[in-house]
């Protein structure tokens, strides 16, 4: 096997795995009951899925300028997804759009930052 064939195989595997993880994220967004659960379904497998798709693109493009662009895209994805998830969770909590029976611990309520209260 040549190096190009191996890289093409890696690209196919990463592309399929990334697509499946993104599909799981979409299904979780529809099926899960509250904002906090949906937040995890959207951020965790979706970010890994996007990173796998970027690895597949890097393995197939093999160009320095394209690789630099893909690294920037991956860095922005890793930098912004956790922050967006945090903001979504805080907004959902403040608006009361969560199921308290699913919470194991509620540190914000203990500090007086429950729904409808500014912190």
N, C-alpha and C. Protein backbone atom coordinates (compact mmCIF):
# COMPACT_ATOMS: atom_id res chain seq x y z
N UNK A 1 0.84 -1.18 0.00
CA UNK A 1 0.00 0.00 0.00
C UNK A 1 0.88 1.25 0.00
N UNK A 2 0.47 2.21 -0.74
CA UNK A 2 1.19 3.47 -0.79
C UNK A 2 0.71 4.39 0.33
N UNK A 3 1.48 5.45 0.56
CA UNK A 3 1.12 6.42 1.59
C UNK A 3 -0.18 7.13 1.27
N UNK A 4 -0.41 7.39 -0.03
CA UNK A 4 -1.64 8.07 -0.42
C UNK A 4 -2.86 7.20 -0.16
N UNK A 5 -2.72 5.90 -0.37
CA UNK A 5 -3.85 4.99 -0.12
C UNK A 5 -4.17 4.92 1.37
N UNK A 6 -3.13 4.92 2.20
CA UNK A 6 -3.34 4.88 3.65
C UNK A 6 -4.03 6.16 4.10
N UNK A 7 -3.58 7.32 3.59
CA UNK A 7 -4.22 8.58 3.95
C UNK A 7 -5.67 8.64 3.47
N UNK A 8 -5.93 8.07 2.31
CA UNK A 8 -7.32 8.02 1.84
C UNK A 8 -8.18 7.14 2.74
N UNK A 9 -7.62 6.03 3.21
CA UNK A 9 -8.35 5.16 4.14
C UNK A 9 -8.63 5.86 5.46
N UNK A 10 -7.64 6.59 5.98
CA UNK A 10 -7.82 7.36 7.21
C UNK A 10 -8.91 8.42 7.00
N UNK A 11 -8.89 9.06 5.84
CA UNK A 11 -9.90 10.09 5.55
C UNK A 11 -11.30 9.50 5.53
N UNK A 12 -11.44 8.33 4.94
CA UNK A 12 -12.77 7.70 4.87
C UNK A 12 -13.27 7.33 6.27
N UNK A 13 -12.39 6.73 7.07
CA UNK A 13 -12.79 6.31 8.42
C UNK A 13 -13.17 7.53 9.26
N UNK A 14 -12.34 8.57 9.21
CA UNK A 14 -12.62 9.77 10.00
C UNK A 14 -13.89 10.48 9.51
N UNK A 15 -14.11 10.49 8.21
CA UNK A 15 -15.30 11.14 7.67
C UNK A 15 -16.57 10.42 8.10
N UNK A 16 -16.55 9.10 8.04
CA UNK A 16 -17.73 8.32 8.46
C UNK A 16 -17.96 8.46 9.97
N UNK A 17 -16.88 8.37 10.75
CA UNK A 17 -17.03 8.51 12.21
C UNK A 17 -17.52 9.90 12.58
N UNK A 18 -16.98 10.93 11.94
CA UNK A 18 -17.42 12.29 12.21
C UNK A 18 -18.88 12.52 11.82
N UNK A 19 -19.28 11.95 10.70
CA UNK A 19 -20.67 12.06 10.29
C UNK A 19 -21.61 11.36 11.25
N UNK A 20 -21.21 10.18 11.73
CA UNK A 20 -22.05 9.47 12.69
C UNK A 20 -22.16 10.21 14.02
N UNK A 21 -21.05 10.79 14.48
CA UNK A 21 -21.12 11.56 15.72
C UNK A 21 -22.00 12.80 15.57
N UNK A 22 -21.93 13.45 14.43
CA UNK A 22 -22.79 14.61 14.19
C UNK A 22 -24.25 14.18 14.12
N UNK A 23 -24.51 13.01 13.56
CA UNK A 23 -25.87 12.48 13.52
C UNK A 23 -26.38 12.19 14.93
N UNK A 24 -25.54 11.61 15.76
CA UNK A 24 -25.91 11.34 17.15
C UNK A 24 -26.22 12.65 17.88
N UNK A 25 -25.44 13.69 17.61
CA UNK A 25 -25.70 15.00 18.23
C UNK A 25 -27.07 15.54 17.80
N UNK A 26 -27.40 15.39 16.53
CA UNK A 26 -28.70 15.86 16.04
C UNK A 26 -29.85 15.07 16.63
N UNK A 27 -29.69 13.77 16.75
CA UNK A 27 -30.73 12.95 17.35
C UNK A 27 -30.91 13.30 18.83
N UNK A 28 -29.79 13.51 19.53
CA UNK A 28 -29.86 13.89 20.95
C UNK A 28 -30.55 15.23 21.14
N UNK A 29 -30.36 16.14 20.20
CA UNK A 29 -31.01 17.45 20.29
C UNK A 29 -32.53 17.31 20.21
N UNK A 30 -32.99 16.36 19.45
CA UNK A 30 -34.44 16.16 19.30
C UNK A 30 -35.01 15.31 20.44
N UNK A 31 -34.28 14.30 20.87
CA UNK A 31 -34.84 13.32 21.80
C UNK A 31 -34.70 13.66 23.28
N UNK A 32 -33.72 14.44 23.67
CA UNK A 32 -33.48 14.65 25.10
C UNK A 32 -34.47 15.66 25.69
N UNK A 33 -34.76 15.54 27.00
CA UNK A 33 -35.92 16.24 27.56
C UNK A 33 -35.73 17.72 27.90
N UNK A 34 -34.53 18.16 28.29
CA UNK A 34 -34.40 19.54 28.75
C UNK A 34 -33.16 20.20 28.18
N UNK A 35 -33.01 21.48 28.48
CA UNK A 35 -31.93 22.28 27.90
C UNK A 35 -30.57 21.75 28.29
N UNK A 36 -30.38 21.38 29.54
CA UNK A 36 -29.07 20.93 30.00
C UNK A 36 -28.65 19.63 29.32
N UNK A 37 -29.58 18.72 29.14
CA UNK A 37 -29.27 17.47 28.45
C UNK A 37 -28.98 17.72 26.98
N UNK A 38 -29.75 18.57 26.36
CA UNK A 38 -29.55 18.89 24.95
C UNK A 38 -28.23 19.60 24.73
N UNK A 39 -27.84 20.43 25.68
CA UNK A 39 -26.58 21.13 25.57
C UNK A 39 -25.42 20.15 25.46
N UNK A 40 -25.44 19.10 26.28
CA UNK A 40 -24.38 18.10 26.21
C UNK A 40 -24.43 17.34 24.89
N UNK A 41 -25.62 17.04 24.42
CA UNK A 41 -25.75 16.31 23.16
C UNK A 41 -25.25 17.13 21.98
N UNK A 42 -25.43 18.42 22.04
CA UNK A 42 -24.99 19.26 20.93
C UNK A 42 -23.49 19.50 20.98
N UNK A 43 -22.92 19.76 22.12
CA UNK A 43 -21.52 20.17 22.16
C UNK A 43 -20.55 19.01 22.12
N UNK A 44 -20.75 18.00 22.91
CA UNK A 44 -19.72 16.98 23.04
C UNK A 44 -19.53 16.13 21.78
N UNK A 45 -20.52 15.39 21.30
CA UNK A 45 -20.26 14.59 20.09
C UNK A 45 -20.13 15.44 18.83
N UNK A 46 -20.76 16.61 18.81
CA UNK A 46 -20.68 17.44 17.62
C UNK A 46 -19.28 17.99 17.43
N UNK A 47 -18.64 18.42 18.51
CA UNK A 47 -17.28 18.95 18.40
C UNK A 47 -16.32 17.86 17.96
N UNK A 48 -16.43 16.68 18.55
CA UNK A 48 -15.57 15.58 18.13
C UNK A 48 -15.86 15.19 16.68
N UNK A 49 -17.12 15.21 16.28
CA UNK A 49 -17.47 14.92 14.89
C UNK A 49 -16.87 15.91 13.92
N UNK A 50 -16.94 17.19 14.26
CA UNK A 50 -16.34 18.21 13.39
C UNK A 50 -14.83 18.04 13.32
N UNK A 51 -14.20 17.74 14.45
CA UNK A 51 -12.75 17.54 14.43
C UNK A 51 -12.36 16.33 13.59
N UNK A 52 -13.14 15.27 13.65
CA UNK A 52 -12.85 14.11 12.81
C UNK A 52 -13.04 14.43 11.33
N UNK A 53 -14.04 15.22 11.02
CA UNK A 53 -14.24 15.63 9.62
C UNK A 53 -13.08 16.52 9.17
N UNK A 54 -12.58 17.37 10.05
CA UNK A 54 -11.43 18.20 9.70
C UNK A 54 -10.18 17.36 9.48
N UNK A 55 -10.00 16.31 10.29
CA UNK A 55 -8.87 15.39 10.08
C UNK A 55 -9.00 14.69 8.73
N UNK A 56 -10.23 14.30 8.39
CA UNK A 56 -10.45 13.67 7.08
C UNK A 56 -10.12 14.63 5.95
N UNK A 57 -10.51 15.87 6.09
CA UNK A 57 -10.17 16.87 5.07
C UNK A 57 -8.67 17.09 4.99
N UNK A 58 -8.00 17.13 6.13
CA UNK A 58 -6.55 17.32 6.13
C UNK A 58 -5.85 16.15 5.45
N UNK A 59 -6.35 14.93 5.69
CA UNK A 59 -5.74 13.76 5.07
C UNK A 59 -5.97 13.72 3.56
N UNK A 60 -7.06 14.31 3.11
CA UNK A 60 -7.34 14.26 1.67
C UNK A 60 -6.77 15.47 0.92
N UNK A 61 -6.68 16.63 1.55
CA UNK A 61 -6.19 17.82 0.85
C UNK A 61 -4.67 17.86 0.75
N UNK A 62 -3.96 17.61 1.83
CA UNK A 62 -2.49 17.53 1.86
C UNK A 62 -1.81 18.79 1.33
N UNK A 63 -2.34 19.96 1.66
CA UNK A 63 -1.77 21.22 1.22
C UNK A 63 -1.53 22.08 2.46
N UNK A 64 -0.38 22.75 2.51
CA UNK A 64 -0.01 23.52 3.69
C UNK A 64 -1.00 24.62 4.03
N UNK A 65 -1.45 25.38 3.04
CA UNK A 65 -2.40 26.46 3.30
C UNK A 65 -3.74 25.91 3.77
N UNK A 66 -4.16 24.81 3.16
CA UNK A 66 -5.43 24.20 3.59
C UNK A 66 -5.32 23.64 5.00
N UNK A 67 -4.18 23.05 5.33
CA UNK A 67 -4.00 22.50 6.68
C UNK A 67 -4.03 23.61 7.73
N UNK A 68 -3.42 24.75 7.42
CA UNK A 68 -3.44 25.87 8.36
C UNK A 68 -4.87 26.36 8.58
N UNK A 69 -5.64 26.42 7.52
CA UNK A 69 -7.04 26.84 7.65
C UNK A 69 -7.83 25.84 8.48
N UNK A 70 -7.59 24.55 8.28
CA UNK A 70 -8.30 23.53 9.04
C UNK A 70 -7.92 23.57 10.52
N UNK A 71 -6.65 23.86 10.81
CA UNK A 71 -6.24 23.98 12.21
C UNK A 71 -6.93 25.17 12.87
N UNK A 72 -7.05 26.28 12.14
CA UNK A 72 -7.76 27.44 12.68
C UNK A 72 -9.23 27.12 12.94
N UNK A 73 -9.85 26.43 12.02
CA UNK A 73 -11.26 26.06 12.19
C UNK A 73 -11.42 25.16 13.42
N UNK A 74 -10.54 24.18 13.57
CA UNK A 74 -10.60 23.29 14.73
C UNK A 74 -10.37 24.04 16.03
N UNK A 75 -9.42 24.98 16.02
CA UNK A 75 -9.17 25.77 17.23
C UNK A 75 -10.36 26.63 17.62
N UNK A 76 -10.98 27.27 16.63
CA UNK A 76 -12.17 28.07 16.93
C UNK A 76 -13.31 27.19 17.44
N UNK A 77 -13.45 26.01 16.88
CA UNK A 77 -14.50 25.09 17.34
C UNK A 77 -14.26 24.68 18.78
N UNK A 78 -13.01 24.35 19.11
CA UNK A 78 -12.68 23.97 20.48
C UNK A 78 -12.80 25.13 21.45
N UNK A 79 -12.56 26.35 20.96
CA UNK A 79 -12.63 27.51 21.83
C UNK A 79 -14.03 28.05 22.05
N UNK A 80 -14.88 27.93 21.06
CA UNK A 80 -16.20 28.54 21.17
C UNK A 80 -17.30 27.59 21.64
N UNK A 81 -17.21 26.32 21.36
CA UNK A 81 -18.28 25.38 21.73
C UNK A 81 -18.49 25.29 23.24
N UNK A 82 -17.43 25.18 24.07
CA UNK A 82 -17.67 25.14 25.52
C UNK A 82 -18.27 26.44 26.05
N UNK A 83 -17.83 27.57 25.51
CA UNK A 83 -18.38 28.85 25.96
C UNK A 83 -19.85 28.99 25.58
N UNK A 84 -20.17 28.59 24.37
CA UNK A 84 -21.57 28.65 23.94
C UNK A 84 -22.43 27.71 24.78
N UNK A 85 -21.92 26.53 25.10
CA UNK A 85 -22.68 25.60 25.94
C UNK A 85 -22.91 26.18 27.33
N UNK A 86 -21.90 26.83 27.88
CA UNK A 86 -22.05 27.46 29.19
C UNK A 86 -23.12 28.55 29.15
N UNK A 87 -23.12 29.36 28.13
CA UNK A 87 -24.12 30.43 28.02
C UNK A 87 -25.53 29.87 27.82
N UNK A 88 -25.65 28.83 27.03
CA UNK A 88 -26.95 28.19 26.84
C UNK A 88 -27.46 27.60 28.15
N UNK A 89 -26.57 26.96 28.89
CA UNK A 89 -26.97 26.36 30.16
C UNK A 89 -27.40 27.42 31.15
N UNK A 90 -26.67 28.51 31.24
CA UNK A 90 -27.04 29.57 32.18
C UNK A 90 -28.37 30.21 31.80
N UNK A 91 -28.56 30.45 30.51
CA UNK A 91 -29.83 31.06 30.07
C UNK A 91 -30.99 30.10 30.33
N UNK A 92 -30.81 28.82 30.06
CA UNK A 92 -31.86 27.85 30.32
C UNK A 92 -32.17 27.73 31.80
N UNK A 93 -31.15 27.79 32.63
CA UNK A 93 -31.35 27.72 34.08
C UNK A 93 -32.11 28.94 34.58
N UNK A 94 -31.69 30.11 34.13
CA UNK A 94 -32.33 31.34 34.60
C UNK A 94 -33.79 31.44 34.15
N UNK A 95 -34.09 30.88 32.98
CA UNK A 95 -35.47 30.91 32.49
C UNK A 95 -36.31 29.76 33.04
N UNK A 96 -35.70 28.86 33.78
CA UNK A 96 -36.43 27.74 34.36
C UNK A 96 -36.78 26.66 33.36
N UNK A 97 -36.05 26.56 32.29
CA UNK A 97 -36.34 25.55 31.26
C UNK A 97 -35.48 24.30 31.48
N UNK A 98 -35.61 23.74 32.65
CA UNK A 98 -34.89 22.51 32.97
C UNK A 98 -35.75 21.66 33.88
N UNK A 99 -35.41 20.40 33.94
CA UNK A 99 -36.14 19.49 34.82
C UNK A 99 -35.34 19.28 36.08
N UNK A 100 -35.84 19.80 37.17
CA UNK A 100 -35.11 19.72 38.43
C UNK A 100 -34.96 18.28 38.93
N UNK A 101 -35.88 17.39 38.54
CA UNK A 101 -35.77 16.01 38.97
C UNK A 101 -34.58 15.30 38.34
N UNK A 102 -34.03 15.84 37.24
CA UNK A 102 -32.87 15.25 36.60
C UNK A 102 -31.55 15.78 37.14
N UNK A 103 -31.59 16.84 37.94
CA UNK A 103 -30.37 17.42 38.50
C UNK A 103 -29.90 16.59 39.70
N UNK A 104 -28.60 16.30 39.72
CA UNK A 104 -28.03 15.63 40.88
C UNK A 104 -27.62 16.64 41.94
N UNK A 105 -27.13 17.79 41.50
CA UNK A 105 -26.75 18.87 42.41
C UNK A 105 -27.11 20.19 41.76
N UNK A 106 -27.51 21.14 42.58
CA UNK A 106 -27.90 22.45 42.07
C UNK A 106 -27.16 23.52 42.88
N UNK A 107 -25.90 23.77 42.51
CA UNK A 107 -25.09 24.73 43.24
C UNK A 107 -25.61 26.15 43.11
N UNK A 108 -26.21 26.49 41.99
CA UNK A 108 -26.71 27.85 41.81
C UNK A 108 -27.88 28.15 42.73
N UNK A 109 -28.73 27.17 42.98
CA UNK A 109 -29.86 27.37 43.90
C UNK A 109 -29.35 27.54 45.33
N UNK A 110 -28.27 26.84 45.67
CA UNK A 110 -27.70 26.94 47.00
C UNK A 110 -27.11 28.34 47.23
N UNK A 111 -26.64 28.99 46.14
CA UNK A 111 -26.07 30.34 46.25
C UNK A 111 -27.11 31.42 46.06
N UNK A 112 -28.34 31.05 45.83
CA UNK A 112 -29.39 32.04 45.64
C UNK A 112 -29.51 32.52 44.20
N UNK A 113 -29.03 31.75 43.26
CA UNK A 113 -29.08 32.16 41.86
C UNK A 113 -30.11 31.37 41.07
N UNK A 114 -31.23 31.09 41.68
CA UNK A 114 -32.25 30.30 41.04
C UNK A 114 -32.93 31.01 39.88
N UNK A 115 -33.88 30.37 39.26
CA UNK A 115 -34.58 30.98 38.11
C UNK A 115 -35.19 32.32 38.47
N UNK A 116 -34.99 33.27 37.58
CA UNK A 116 -35.56 34.59 37.75
C UNK A 116 -34.72 35.52 38.60
N UNK A 117 -33.58 35.04 39.07
CA UNK A 117 -32.72 35.89 39.91
C UNK A 117 -31.41 36.18 39.20
N UNK A 118 -30.98 37.39 39.28
CA UNK A 118 -29.67 37.74 38.71
C UNK A 118 -28.59 37.39 39.72
N UNK A 119 -27.44 36.98 39.18
CA UNK A 119 -26.33 36.61 40.08
C UNK A 119 -25.36 37.72 40.22
